[in-house]
């Protein structure tokens, strides 16, 4: 129950392509990557602040 088959991932990919279109997909993924990088940078900054307090 924890893993998905190739058929499931194919259906998900088709739905995403229908919703966003093939042209918008790279920009959506780029924005997603920027968000992850920002989140990681925020976590790193919080860790540095905790070292200075302790």
Protein backbone atom coordinates (compact mmCIF):
# COMPACT_ATOMS: atom_id res chain seq x y z
CA UNK A 1 0.00 0.00 0.00
CA UNK A 2 2.96 2.32 0.47
CA UNK A 3 4.25 2.30 -3.10
CA UNK A 4 2.65 3.32 -6.35
CA UNK A 5 2.91 1.48 -9.64
CA UNK A 6 4.05 2.93 -12.93
CA UNK A 7 0.42 3.19 -14.03
CA UNK A 8 -0.42 5.42 -11.04
CA UNK A 9 2.48 7.77 -11.77
CA UNK A 10 1.52 7.92 -15.46
CA UNK A 11 -2.04 8.94 -14.57
CA UNK A 12 -0.76 11.59 -12.14
CA UNK A 13 1.59 12.98 -14.80
CA UNK A 14 -1.20 13.16 -17.37
CA UNK A 15 -3.47 15.00 -14.93
CA UNK A 16 -0.71 17.49 -14.10
CA UNK A 17 -0.04 18.09 -17.80
CA UNK A 18 -3.75 18.65 -18.44
CA UNK A 19 -4.07 21.10 -15.54
CA UNK A 20 -0.94 23.15 -16.13
CA UNK A 21 -0.12 22.51 -19.76
CA UNK A 22 3.27 21.45 -21.06
CA UNK A 23 4.45 25.07 -21.47
CA UNK A 24 3.77 26.10 -17.88
CA UNK A 25 5.25 23.01 -16.26
CA UNK A 26 8.92 24.15 -16.29
CA UNK A 27 8.05 27.47 -14.64
CA UNK A 28 5.93 25.72 -12.00
CA UNK A 29 8.76 23.32 -11.21
CA UNK A 30 11.25 26.21 -11.10
CA UNK A 31 9.07 28.04 -8.59
CA UNK A 32 8.77 24.85 -6.55
CA UNK A 33 12.58 24.45 -6.51
CA UNK A 34 13.03 28.07 -5.40
CA UNK A 35 10.58 27.47 -2.57
CA UNK A 36 12.49 24.41 -1.39
CA UNK A 37 15.80 26.30 -1.50
CA UNK A 38 14.27 29.16 0.48
CA UNK A 39 12.87 26.73 3.04
CA UNK A 40 16.26 25.03 3.47
CA UNK A 41 17.97 28.40 3.84
CA UNK A 42 15.44 29.36 6.51
CA UNK A 43 16.10 26.16 8.42
CA UNK A 44 19.84 26.74 8.20
CA UNK A 45 19.44 30.30 9.53
CA UNK A 46 17.32 29.07 12.44
CA UNK A 47 19.99 26.53 13.32
CA UNK A 48 22.64 29.27 13.38
CA UNK A 49 20.47 31.39 15.68
CA UNK A 50 20.03 28.50 18.10
CA UNK A 51 23.82 28.02 18.34
CA UNK A 52 24.28 31.66 19.38
CA UNK A 53 21.59 31.48 22.06
CA UNK A 54 22.86 28.32 23.72
